[in-house]
Amino acid sequence: MRDSKQTVGRRAVLAGVGTVGALTATVALLPAAEPTNANPAAPLKPERDGAAGYRLTEHVKRYYQTTRV
């Protein structure tokens, strides 16, 4: 004869596995939250070189990285 506690334990495990699977699927479908800037109105101050009007921006830095040998 089977123990009733063992049968209930199996059912609980199977129910838990189903719940975890459903939660995992839900989290996978939710959009990822992006961090927000604390002060979006404040402009970023770019680094300046000696030349007038020249700004060392992220775009320029990426270009410089592509030209390195």
N, C-alpha and C. Protein backbone atom coordinates (compact mmCIF):
# COMPACT_ATOMS: atom_id res chain seq x y z
N MET A 1 0.85 -1.18 0.00
CA MET A 1 0.00 0.00 0.00
C MET A 1 0.89 1.24 0.00
N ARG A 2 0.50 2.25 -0.76
CA ARG A 2 1.30 3.47 -0.88
C ARG A 2 1.02 4.42 0.27
N ASP A 3 2.06 5.21 0.58
CA ASP A 3 1.93 6.21 1.64
C ASP A 3 1.28 7.45 1.05
N SER A 4 0.23 7.98 1.66
CA SER A 4 -0.48 9.14 1.13
C SER A 4 0.38 10.40 1.14
N LYS A 5 1.32 10.50 2.08
CA LYS A 5 2.21 11.67 2.14
C LYS A 5 3.13 11.71 0.92
N GLN A 6 3.57 10.53 0.48
CA GLN A 6 4.45 10.47 -0.67
C GLN A 6 3.71 10.91 -1.94
N THR A 7 2.48 10.53 -2.12
CA THR A 7 1.68 10.91 -3.28
C THR A 7 1.43 12.41 -3.29
N VAL A 8 1.09 12.97 -2.14
CA VAL A 8 0.87 14.41 -2.04
C VAL A 8 2.16 15.15 -2.34
N GLY A 9 3.29 14.64 -1.90
CA GLY A 9 4.59 15.27 -2.15
C GLY A 9 4.90 15.33 -3.64
N ARG A 10 4.61 14.26 -4.36
CA ARG A 10 4.85 14.23 -5.81
C ARG A 10 3.97 15.26 -6.51
N ARG A 11 2.74 15.32 -6.10
CA ARG A 11 1.82 16.29 -6.71
C ARG A 11 2.28 17.72 -6.45
N ALA A 12 2.76 17.97 -5.26
CA ALA A 12 3.23 19.31 -4.93
C ALA A 12 4.46 19.67 -5.76
N VAL A 13 5.34 18.71 -5.97
CA VAL A 13 6.54 18.96 -6.79
C VAL A 13 6.13 19.26 -8.23
N LEU A 14 5.23 18.47 -8.77
CA LEU A 14 4.79 18.71 -10.15
C LEU A 14 4.08 20.06 -10.29
N ALA A 15 3.29 20.42 -9.31
CA ALA A 15 2.63 21.73 -9.35
C ALA A 15 3.67 22.85 -9.27
N GLY A 16 4.69 22.66 -8.45
CA GLY A 16 5.75 23.66 -8.33
C GLY A 16 6.53 23.82 -9.62
N VAL A 17 6.82 22.70 -10.28
CA VAL A 17 7.54 22.75 -11.55
C VAL A 17 6.72 23.51 -12.59
N GLY A 18 5.44 23.25 -12.63
CA GLY A 18 4.57 23.97 -13.57
C GLY A 18 4.51 25.46 -13.28
N THR A 19 4.47 25.81 -12.02
CA THR A 19 4.44 27.23 -11.63
C THR A 19 5.73 27.93 -12.00
N VAL A 20 6.85 27.29 -11.73
CA VAL A 20 8.16 27.89 -12.07
C VAL A 20 8.28 28.06 -13.58
N GLY A 21 7.82 27.09 -14.35
CA GLY A 21 7.86 27.20 -15.81
C GLY A 21 7.02 28.35 -16.31
N ALA A 22 5.85 28.52 -15.75
CA ALA A 22 4.97 29.62 -16.16
C ALA A 22 5.58 30.98 -15.80
N LEU A 23 6.17 31.07 -14.62
CA LEU A 23 6.81 32.33 -14.21
C LEU A 23 8.02 32.65 -15.10
N THR A 24 8.79 31.63 -15.44
CA THR A 24 9.95 31.84 -16.30
C THR A 24 9.52 32.34 -17.68
N ALA A 25 8.48 31.77 -18.23
CA ALA A 25 7.98 32.22 -19.52
C ALA A 25 7.47 33.66 -19.45
N THR A 26 6.81 34.01 -18.38
CA THR A 26 6.30 35.37 -18.21
C THR A 26 7.44 36.38 -18.14
N VAL A 27 8.47 36.06 -17.36
CA VAL A 27 9.61 36.98 -17.22
C VAL A 27 10.34 37.12 -18.54
N ALA A 28 10.44 36.05 -19.31
CA ALA A 28 11.13 36.11 -20.59
C ALA A 28 10.40 37.00 -21.59
N LEU A 29 9.10 37.11 -21.47
CA LEU A 29 8.31 37.91 -22.41
C LEU A 29 8.21 39.38 -22.02
N LEU A 30 8.51 39.70 -20.76
CA LEU A 30 8.44 41.09 -20.32
C LEU A 30 9.59 41.90 -20.90
N PRO A 31 9.36 43.16 -21.27
CA PRO A 31 10.46 43.98 -21.79
C PRO A 31 11.47 44.30 -20.68
N ALA A 32 12.71 44.38 -21.07
CA ALA A 32 13.76 44.70 -20.10
C ALA A 32 13.67 46.17 -19.72
N ALA A 33 13.79 46.47 -18.45
CA ALA A 33 13.74 47.85 -17.98
C ALA A 33 15.12 48.48 -18.16
N GLU A 34 15.14 49.67 -18.76
CA GLU A 34 16.39 50.38 -18.96
C GLU A 34 16.56 51.40 -17.83
N PRO A 35 17.80 51.55 -17.35
CA PRO A 35 18.02 52.54 -16.30
C PRO A 35 17.77 53.95 -16.83
N THR A 36 17.19 54.77 -16.00
CA THR A 36 16.90 56.14 -16.40
C THR A 36 17.97 57.08 -15.87
N ASN A 37 18.16 58.16 -16.58
CA ASN A 37 19.12 59.18 -16.17
C ASN A 37 18.51 59.96 -15.00
N ALA A 38 19.28 60.21 -13.96
CA ALA A 38 18.78 60.90 -12.78
C ALA A 38 18.34 62.32 -13.10
N ASN A 39 19.06 62.99 -14.00
CA ASN A 39 18.73 64.36 -14.38
C ASN A 39 18.78 64.48 -15.90
N PRO A 40 17.70 64.11 -16.60
CA PRO A 40 17.73 64.09 -18.05
C PRO A 40 17.82 65.48 -18.68
N ALA A 41 17.45 66.53 -17.95
CA ALA A 41 17.48 67.87 -18.52
C ALA A 41 18.90 68.44 -18.59
N ALA A 42 19.80 67.94 -17.76
CA ALA A 42 21.17 68.46 -17.75
C ALA A 42 21.95 67.88 -18.92
N PRO A 43 22.49 68.72 -19.80
CA PRO A 43 23.26 68.22 -20.94
C PRO A 43 24.62 67.68 -20.48
N LEU A 44 25.11 66.70 -21.20
CA LEU A 44 26.42 66.16 -20.89
C LEU A 44 27.49 67.09 -21.43
N LYS A 45 28.49 67.36 -20.63
CA LYS A 45 29.56 68.25 -21.05
C LYS A 45 30.65 67.42 -21.74
N PRO A 46 30.79 67.57 -23.05
CA PRO A 46 31.79 66.78 -23.76
C PRO A 46 33.20 67.28 -23.48
N GLU A 47 34.16 66.35 -23.59
CA GLU A 47 35.55 66.74 -23.42
C GLU A 47 35.96 67.57 -24.64
N ARG A 48 36.80 68.55 -24.42
CA ARG A 48 37.22 69.42 -25.53
C ARG A 48 38.71 69.29 -25.74
N ASP A 49 39.07 69.38 -27.01
CA ASP A 49 40.47 69.40 -27.39
C ASP A 49 40.86 70.86 -27.60
N GLY A 50 42.11 71.13 -27.94
CA GLY A 50 42.58 72.50 -28.13
C GLY A 50 41.97 73.20 -29.33
N ALA A 51 41.55 72.46 -30.34
CA ALA A 51 40.99 73.08 -31.55
C ALA A 51 39.61 73.65 -31.26
N ALA A 52 39.33 74.80 -31.83
CA ALA A 52 38.03 75.45 -31.61
C ALA A 52 36.92 74.63 -32.27
N GLY A 53 35.89 74.34 -31.51
CA GLY A 53 34.74 73.63 -32.05
C GLY A 53 34.90 72.12 -32.09
N TYR A 54 36.05 71.60 -31.83
CA TYR A 54 36.27 70.15 -31.85
C TYR A 54 35.78 69.55 -30.54
N ARG A 55 34.99 68.49 -30.64
CA ARG A 55 34.50 67.82 -29.45
C ARG A 55 34.85 66.35 -29.52
N LEU A 56 35.42 65.87 -28.44
CA LEU A 56 35.76 64.45 -28.35
C LEU A 56 34.55 63.71 -27.80
N THR A 57 33.66 63.33 -28.71
CA THR A 57 32.42 62.64 -28.33
C THR A 57 32.61 61.14 -28.40
N GLU A 58 31.60 60.39 -27.96
CA GLU A 58 31.67 58.93 -28.01
C GLU A 58 31.80 58.45 -29.45
N HIS A 59 31.13 59.15 -30.37
CA HIS A 59 31.20 58.78 -31.78
C HIS A 59 32.63 58.90 -32.30
N VAL A 60 33.31 59.97 -31.96
CA VAL A 60 34.69 60.20 -32.39
C VAL A 60 35.61 59.18 -31.73
N LYS A 61 35.37 58.88 -30.45
CA LYS A 61 36.20 57.89 -29.76
C LYS A 61 36.08 56.53 -30.41
N ARG A 62 34.86 56.15 -30.82
CA ARG A 62 34.67 54.87 -31.50
C ARG A 62 35.42 54.84 -32.83
N TYR A 63 35.40 55.97 -33.55
CA TYR A 63 36.12 56.04 -34.81
C TYR A 63 37.61 55.88 -34.57
N TYR A 64 38.13 56.52 -33.57
CA TYR A 64 39.55 56.40 -33.26
C TYR A 64 39.91 54.95 -32.92
N GLN A 65 39.02 54.26 -32.25
CA GLN A 65 39.30 52.85 -31.92
C GLN A 65 39.35 51.97 -33.18
N THR A 66 38.57 52.31 -34.18
CA THR A 66 38.58 51.51 -35.41
C THR A 66 39.83 51.76 -36.24
N THR A 67 40.52 52.88 -36.03
CA THR A 67 41.70 53.19 -36.82
C THR A 67 43.00 52.71 -36.17
N ARG A 68 42.92 52.18 -34.97
CA ARG A 68 44.13 51.70 -34.29
C ARG A 68 44.65 50.45 -34.99
N VAL A 69 45.96 50.36 -35.04
CA VAL A 69 46.58 49.19 -35.67
C VAL A 69 47.11 48.26 -34.63
